[in-house]
Amino acid sequence: ETRAPDSWEVFPQDLLRKGGGKYVYIEYTTPPWTGTGGAEFLHAITFSESQSNTTEGDIRRGSRGAYVFPTFHYTTDPDSAIRDFAFTYNKFFPPRGFVRIAFDLNKDLGWGYAPSYLCVTRE
């Protein structure tokens, strides 16, 4: 199921790879996206195990492990917008030019599941 407009692209990797439950993909559009306040750009993504102050529901719903609630932070400054996404597993460094978001998307899945991290770049 998708909630993004048809013109948006899907990042081709399941956020919960091998985590059980539904598949979760990032859907995005090339800036600018016109939101409620004019041209808005995705500035940051944070994750929490608590639903308070989040913008989305649990992306792990129906799977094992911790609850994972994403929050999307927007800006009107195109220079501070996220330009691309990548993933890293275990404690591997993110790709050059990317920053790893310090939240294990496979948290509490137990033995046999590598920690999984979303990485972003503004370059």
N, C-alpha and C. Protein backbone atom coordinates (compact mmCIF):
# COMPACT_ATOMS: atom_id res chain seq x y z
N GLU A 1 0.85 -1.17 0.00
CA GLU A 1 0.00 0.00 0.00
C GLU A 1 0.89 1.23 0.00
N THR A 2 0.55 2.21 -0.81
CA THR A 2 1.33 3.44 -0.88
C THR A 2 0.44 4.63 -0.60
N ARG A 3 1.03 5.64 0.01
CA ARG A 3 0.29 6.88 0.25
C ARG A 3 0.90 8.02 -0.55
N ALA A 4 1.94 7.75 -1.29
CA ALA A 4 2.62 8.79 -2.04
C ALA A 4 1.96 9.01 -3.40
N PRO A 5 2.07 10.23 -3.93
CA PRO A 5 1.56 10.48 -5.28
C PRO A 5 2.28 9.62 -6.31
N ASP A 6 1.65 9.37 -7.44
CA ASP A 6 2.23 8.52 -8.49
C ASP A 6 3.58 9.01 -8.99
N SER A 7 3.83 10.31 -8.92
CA SER A 7 5.08 10.86 -9.44
C SER A 7 6.27 10.62 -8.51
N TRP A 8 6.05 10.13 -7.30
CA TRP A 8 7.13 9.89 -6.35
C TRP A 8 7.85 8.60 -6.68
N GLU A 9 9.10 8.51 -6.24
CA GLU A 9 9.90 7.31 -6.43
C GLU A 9 9.95 6.50 -5.14
N VAL A 10 10.26 5.22 -5.26
CA VAL A 10 10.39 4.35 -4.09
C VAL A 10 11.85 3.94 -3.97
N PHE A 11 12.44 4.18 -2.77
CA PHE A 11 13.79 3.72 -2.51
C PHE A 11 13.73 2.20 -2.47
N PRO A 12 14.54 1.51 -3.30
CA PRO A 12 14.32 0.08 -3.54
C PRO A 12 14.84 -0.89 -2.48
N GLN A 13 14.77 -0.53 -1.20
CA GLN A 13 15.19 -1.48 -0.17
C GLN A 13 14.22 -1.44 0.99
N ASP A 14 13.79 -2.61 1.43
CA ASP A 14 12.89 -2.74 2.55
C ASP A 14 13.60 -2.28 3.82
N LEU A 15 13.02 -1.30 4.53
CA LEU A 15 13.62 -0.81 5.78
C LEU A 15 13.74 -1.90 6.81
N LEU A 16 12.86 -2.87 6.79
CA LEU A 16 12.84 -3.91 7.81
C LEU A 16 13.34 -5.23 7.25
N ARG A 17 14.29 -5.17 6.33
CA ARG A 17 14.81 -6.36 5.67
C ARG A 17 15.06 -7.48 6.67
N LYS A 18 14.48 -8.61 6.42
CA LYS A 18 14.60 -9.82 7.24
C LYS A 18 13.99 -9.66 8.62
N GLY A 19 13.23 -8.62 8.85
CA GLY A 19 12.67 -8.38 10.18
C GLY A 19 11.30 -8.99 10.39
N GLY A 20 10.73 -9.58 9.37
CA GLY A 20 9.38 -10.12 9.51
C GLY A 20 8.34 -9.03 9.35
N GLY A 21 7.13 -9.42 9.18
CA GLY A 21 6.04 -8.45 9.03
C GLY A 21 5.99 -7.86 7.64
N LYS A 22 5.32 -6.72 7.53
CA LYS A 22 5.12 -6.11 6.22
C LYS A 22 6.42 -5.49 5.70
N TYR A 23 6.46 -5.28 4.39
CA TYR A 23 7.58 -4.59 3.77
C TYR A 23 7.39 -3.09 3.97
N VAL A 24 8.47 -2.37 4.26
CA VAL A 24 8.40 -0.93 4.46
C VAL A 24 9.44 -0.28 3.57
N TYR A 25 8.99 0.61 2.69
CA TYR A 25 9.87 1.31 1.76
C TYR A 25 9.73 2.82 1.96
N ILE A 26 10.78 3.55 1.65
CA ILE A 26 10.73 5.01 1.66
C ILE A 26 10.26 5.46 0.30
N GLU A 27 9.26 6.31 0.30
CA GLU A 27 8.78 6.91 -0.95
C GLU A 27 9.18 8.38 -0.90
N TYR A 28 9.70 8.89 -1.99
CA TYR A 28 10.18 10.27 -1.97
C TYR A 28 10.00 10.91 -3.33
N THR A 29 10.09 12.21 -3.32
CA THR A 29 10.04 12.99 -4.54
C THR A 29 11.24 13.91 -4.58
N THR A 30 11.66 14.27 -5.76
CA THR A 30 12.75 15.21 -5.89
C THR A 30 12.23 16.59 -5.50
N PRO A 31 12.96 17.34 -4.65
CA PRO A 31 12.47 18.65 -4.22
C PRO A 31 12.20 19.54 -5.42
N PRO A 32 11.28 20.50 -5.33
CA PRO A 32 10.49 20.77 -4.12
C PRO A 32 9.15 20.03 -4.13
N TRP A 33 8.70 19.70 -2.95
CA TRP A 33 7.36 19.18 -2.73
C TRP A 33 6.58 20.33 -2.12
N THR A 34 5.43 20.64 -2.63
CA THR A 34 4.65 21.75 -2.11
C THR A 34 3.74 21.23 -1.02
N GLY A 35 4.07 21.58 0.18
CA GLY A 35 3.27 21.17 1.33
C GLY A 35 2.34 22.29 1.75
N THR A 36 1.93 22.25 2.99
CA THR A 36 0.97 23.23 3.47
C THR A 36 1.56 24.63 3.58
N GLY A 37 2.87 24.74 3.75
CA GLY A 37 3.48 26.06 3.91
C GLY A 37 4.26 26.51 2.70
N GLY A 38 3.96 26.03 1.53
CA GLY A 38 4.73 26.39 0.33
C GLY A 38 5.69 25.28 -0.02
N ALA A 39 6.82 25.64 -0.61
CA ALA A 39 7.82 24.64 -0.99
C ALA A 39 8.49 24.10 0.27
N GLU A 40 8.33 22.81 0.52
CA GLU A 40 8.93 22.19 1.70
C GLU A 40 9.84 21.05 1.26
N PHE A 41 10.94 20.90 1.97
CA PHE A 41 11.94 19.89 1.67
C PHE A 41 12.15 19.03 2.91
N LEU A 42 12.41 17.75 2.70
CA LEU A 42 12.68 16.86 3.83
C LEU A 42 14.06 17.19 4.38
N HIS A 43 14.09 17.62 5.63
CA HIS A 43 15.35 18.04 6.27
C HIS A 43 15.96 16.92 7.11
N ALA A 44 15.12 16.15 7.80
CA ALA A 44 15.63 15.10 8.69
C ALA A 44 14.55 14.07 8.95
N ILE A 45 15.01 12.87 9.32
CA ILE A 45 14.12 11.80 9.76
C ILE A 45 14.66 11.32 11.10
N THR A 46 13.79 11.25 12.08
CA THR A 46 14.18 10.69 13.37
C THR A 46 13.26 9.51 13.65
N PHE A 47 13.73 8.61 14.51
CA PHE A 47 12.95 7.44 14.88
C PHE A 47 12.84 7.38 16.40
N SER A 48 11.75 6.82 16.88
CA SER A 48 11.52 6.69 18.31
C SER A 48 10.75 5.40 18.57
N GLU A 49 10.88 4.87 19.79
CA GLU A 49 10.07 3.72 20.20
C GLU A 49 8.76 4.17 20.82
N SER A 50 8.60 5.46 21.00
CA SER A 50 7.39 6.03 21.59
C SER A 50 6.61 6.79 20.52
N GLN A 51 5.29 6.68 20.55
CA GLN A 51 4.47 7.32 19.54
C GLN A 51 4.26 8.81 19.81
N SER A 52 4.61 9.28 21.01
CA SER A 52 4.36 10.69 21.31
C SER A 52 5.22 11.58 20.41
N ASN A 53 4.61 12.60 19.88
CA ASN A 53 5.26 13.60 19.02
C ASN A 53 5.83 13.02 17.73
N THR A 54 5.27 11.96 17.20
CA THR A 54 5.72 11.42 15.92
C THR A 54 4.72 11.77 14.83
N THR A 55 5.15 11.71 13.58
CA THR A 55 4.27 12.07 12.47
C THR A 55 3.65 10.86 11.80
N GLU A 56 4.15 9.67 12.09
CA GLU A 56 3.68 8.45 11.41
C GLU A 56 3.42 7.35 12.43
N GLY A 57 2.77 6.29 11.96
CA GLY A 57 2.52 5.12 12.79
C GLY A 57 3.73 4.21 12.85
N ASP A 58 3.60 3.13 13.60
CA ASP A 58 4.67 2.15 13.77
C ASP A 58 4.99 1.46 12.44
N ILE A 59 6.20 1.65 11.93
CA ILE A 59 6.56 1.02 10.66
C ILE A 59 6.85 -0.47 10.83
N ARG A 60 6.94 -0.94 12.06
CA ARG A 60 7.19 -2.37 12.31
C ARG A 60 5.89 -3.11 12.64
N ARG A 61 4.77 -2.46 12.54
CA ARG A 61 3.48 -3.09 12.89
C ARG A 61 3.35 -4.44 12.19
N GLY A 62 3.04 -5.45 12.97
CA GLY A 62 2.87 -6.78 12.41
C GLY A 62 4.15 -7.60 12.38
N SER A 63 5.22 -7.07 12.92
CA SER A 63 6.48 -7.82 12.95
C SER A 63 6.99 -7.87 14.39
N ARG A 64 8.04 -8.63 14.56
CA ARG A 64 8.64 -8.72 15.90
C ARG A 64 9.53 -7.51 16.13
N GLY A 65 10.05 -7.39 17.33
CA GLY A 65 11.00 -6.33 17.64
C GLY A 65 10.33 -5.09 18.20
N ALA A 66 11.15 -4.07 18.36
CA ALA A 66 10.71 -2.82 18.97
C ALA A 66 9.73 -2.07 18.07
N TYR A 67 8.93 -1.22 18.67
CA TYR A 67 8.13 -0.29 17.89
C TYR A 67 9.08 0.72 17.27
N VAL A 68 8.78 1.15 16.05
CA VAL A 68 9.61 2.14 15.37
C VAL A 68 8.67 3.18 14.76
N PHE A 69 8.69 4.38 15.35
CA PHE A 69 7.86 5.48 14.87
C PHE A 69 8.75 6.54 14.23
N PRO A 70 8.59 6.81 12.94
CA PRO A 70 9.39 7.86 12.30
C PRO A 70 8.74 9.23 12.46
N THR A 71 9.57 10.24 12.47
CA THR A 71 9.11 11.62 12.42
C THR A 71 9.86 12.31 11.31
N PHE A 72 9.13 12.99 10.45
CA PHE A 72 9.73 13.69 9.32
C PHE A 72 9.77 15.17 9.64
N HIS A 73 10.95 15.77 9.46
CA HIS A 73 11.16 17.18 9.74
C HIS A 73 11.41 17.89 8.41
N TYR A 74 10.70 18.99 8.19
CA TYR A 74 10.77 19.69 6.91
C TYR A 74 11.40 21.07 7.06
N THR A 75 11.86 21.59 5.95
CA THR A 75 12.46 22.92 5.90
C THR A 75 12.06 23.59 4.59
N THR A 76 12.16 24.89 4.57
CA THR A 76 11.96 25.62 3.31
C THR A 76 13.29 25.95 2.65
N ASP A 77 14.40 25.55 3.30
CA ASP A 77 15.74 25.80 2.77
C ASP A 77 16.20 24.62 1.90
N PRO A 78 16.25 24.78 0.59
CA PRO A 78 16.64 23.65 -0.27
C PRO A 78 18.06 23.15 -0.04
N ASP A 79 18.94 24.01 0.47
CA ASP A 79 20.33 23.59 0.71
C ASP A 79 20.47 22.63 1.88
N SER A 80 19.48 22.61 2.78
CA SER A 80 19.56 21.69 3.92
C SER A 80 18.68 20.45 3.73
N ALA A 81 18.18 20.26 2.52
CA ALA A 81 17.29 19.12 2.24
C ALA A 81 18.07 17.83 2.06
N ILE A 82 17.46 16.72 2.46
CA ILE A 82 18.03 15.40 2.20
C ILE A 82 17.94 15.14 0.70
N ARG A 83 19.04 14.67 0.12
CA ARG A 83 19.10 14.43 -1.33
C ARG A 83 19.02 12.95 -1.70
N ASP A 84 19.42 12.05 -0.78
CA ASP A 84 19.43 10.63 -1.11
C ASP A 84 19.46 9.81 0.17
N PHE A 85 19.16 8.51 0.05
CA PHE A 85 19.11 7.57 1.16
C PHE A 85 20.02 6.38 0.86
N ALA A 86 20.52 5.76 1.91
CA ALA A 86 21.28 4.52 1.80
C ALA A 86 21.08 3.76 3.12
N PHE A 87 21.53 2.51 3.16
CA PHE A 87 21.45 1.70 4.37
C PHE A 87 22.81 1.14 4.71
N THR A 88 23.02 0.91 5.99
CA THR A 88 24.21 0.21 6.44
C THR A 88 23.77 -0.79 7.51
N TYR A 89 24.50 -1.88 7.60
CA TYR A 89 24.17 -2.95 8.55
C TYR A 89 25.33 -3.14 9.50
N ASN A 90 25.03 -3.68 10.67
CA ASN A 90 25.99 -3.85 11.74
C ASN A 90 26.57 -2.48 12.09
N LYS A 91 27.84 -2.41 12.30
CA LYS A 91 28.46 -1.13 12.65
C LYS A 91 29.29 -0.59 11.49
N PHE A 92 28.94 -1.00 10.25
CA PHE A 92 29.67 -0.51 9.09
C PHE A 92 29.47 1.00 8.95
N PHE A 93 30.50 1.65 8.42
CA PHE A 93 30.40 3.08 8.18
C PHE A 93 29.40 3.35 7.06
N PRO A 94 28.74 4.51 7.11
CA PRO A 94 27.84 4.86 6.01
C PRO A 94 28.65 5.16 4.75
N PRO A 95 28.01 5.13 3.60
CA PRO A 95 28.72 5.48 2.37
C PRO A 95 29.29 6.91 2.47
N ARG A 96 30.32 7.17 1.69
CA ARG A 96 30.96 8.49 1.69
C ARG A 96 29.91 9.58 1.41
N GLY A 97 29.92 10.61 2.25
CA GLY A 97 29.00 11.72 2.10
C GLY A 97 27.66 11.52 2.81
N PHE A 98 27.44 10.34 3.39
CA PHE A 98 26.19 10.05 4.08
C PHE A 98 26.40 10.09 5.59
N VAL A 99 25.33 10.34 6.31
CA VAL A 99 25.31 10.33 7.77
C VAL A 99 24.32 9.26 8.21
N ARG A 100 24.75 8.42 9.14
CA ARG A 100 23.88 7.34 9.64
C ARG A 100 22.97 7.89 10.73
N ILE A 101 21.67 7.59 10.63
CA ILE A 101 20.72 7.95 11.67
C ILE A 101 20.87 6.90 12.78
N ALA A 102 21.14 7.37 13.98
CA ALA A 102 21.50 6.48 15.09
C ALA A 102 20.28 5.82 15.73
N PHE A 103 19.59 5.00 14.95
CA PHE A 103 18.48 4.20 15.47
C PHE A 103 18.46 2.90 14.70
N ASP A 104 18.61 1.79 15.40
CA ASP A 104 18.61 0.46 14.78
C ASP A 104 17.19 0.08 14.37
N LEU A 105 16.95 0.00 13.06
CA LEU A 105 15.62 -0.34 12.57
C LEU A 105 15.27 -1.81 12.83
N ASN A 106 16.25 -2.63 13.19
CA ASN A 106 16.01 -4.03 13.55
C ASN A 106 16.09 -4.24 15.06
N LYS A 107 15.92 -3.19 15.82
CA LYS A 107 16.07 -3.26 17.28
C LYS A 107 15.17 -4.32 17.90
N ASP A 108 15.75 -5.09 18.79
CA ASP A 108 15.05 -6.12 19.57
C ASP A 108 14.50 -7.28 18.75
N LEU A 109 15.05 -7.49 17.55
CA LEU A 109 14.62 -8.65 16.76
C LEU A 109 15.26 -9.94 17.25
N GLY A 110 16.33 -9.81 17.99
CA GLY A 110 16.97 -11.00 18.54
C GLY A 110 18.11 -11.52 17.70
N TRP A 111 18.60 -12.67 18.10
CA TRP A 111 19.76 -13.27 17.47
C TRP A 111 19.50 -13.52 15.99
N GLY A 112 20.52 -13.29 15.17
CA GLY A 112 20.43 -13.57 13.75
C GLY A 112 20.04 -12.37 12.90
N TYR A 113 19.70 -11.25 13.52
CA TYR A 113 19.32 -10.06 12.76
C TYR A 113 20.36 -8.97 12.97
N ALA A 114 20.94 -8.52 11.88
CA ALA A 114 21.96 -7.48 11.96
C ALA A 114 21.30 -6.13 12.20
N PRO A 115 21.92 -5.28 13.03
CA PRO A 115 21.41 -3.92 13.16
C PRO A 115 21.36 -3.25 11.79
N SER A 116 20.31 -2.49 11.55
CA SER A 116 20.08 -1.85 10.24
C SER A 116 19.85 -0.36 10.47
N TYR A 117 20.59 0.47 9.72
CA TYR A 117 20.51 1.91 9.91
C TYR A 117 20.23 2.62 8.59
N LEU A 118 19.35 3.59 8.62
CA LEU A 118 19.11 4.46 7.48
C LEU A 118 20.18 5.54 7.47
N CYS A 119 20.70 5.84 6.29
CA CYS A 119 21.69 6.90 6.13
C CYS A 119 21.15 7.92 5.14
N VAL A 120 21.50 9.19 5.33
CA VAL A 120 21.02 10.26 4.46
C VAL A 120 22.20 11.14 4.04
N THR A 121 22.02 11.83 2.93
CA THR A 121 23.01 12.81 2.51
C THR A 121 22.30 14.07 2.04
N ARG A 122 23.00 15.19 2.22
CA ARG A 122 22.51 16.47 1.73
C ARG A 122 23.36 16.95 0.57
N GLU A 123 24.27 16.12 0.12
CA GLU A 123 25.17 16.48 -0.99
C GLU A 123 24.52 16.23 -2.32
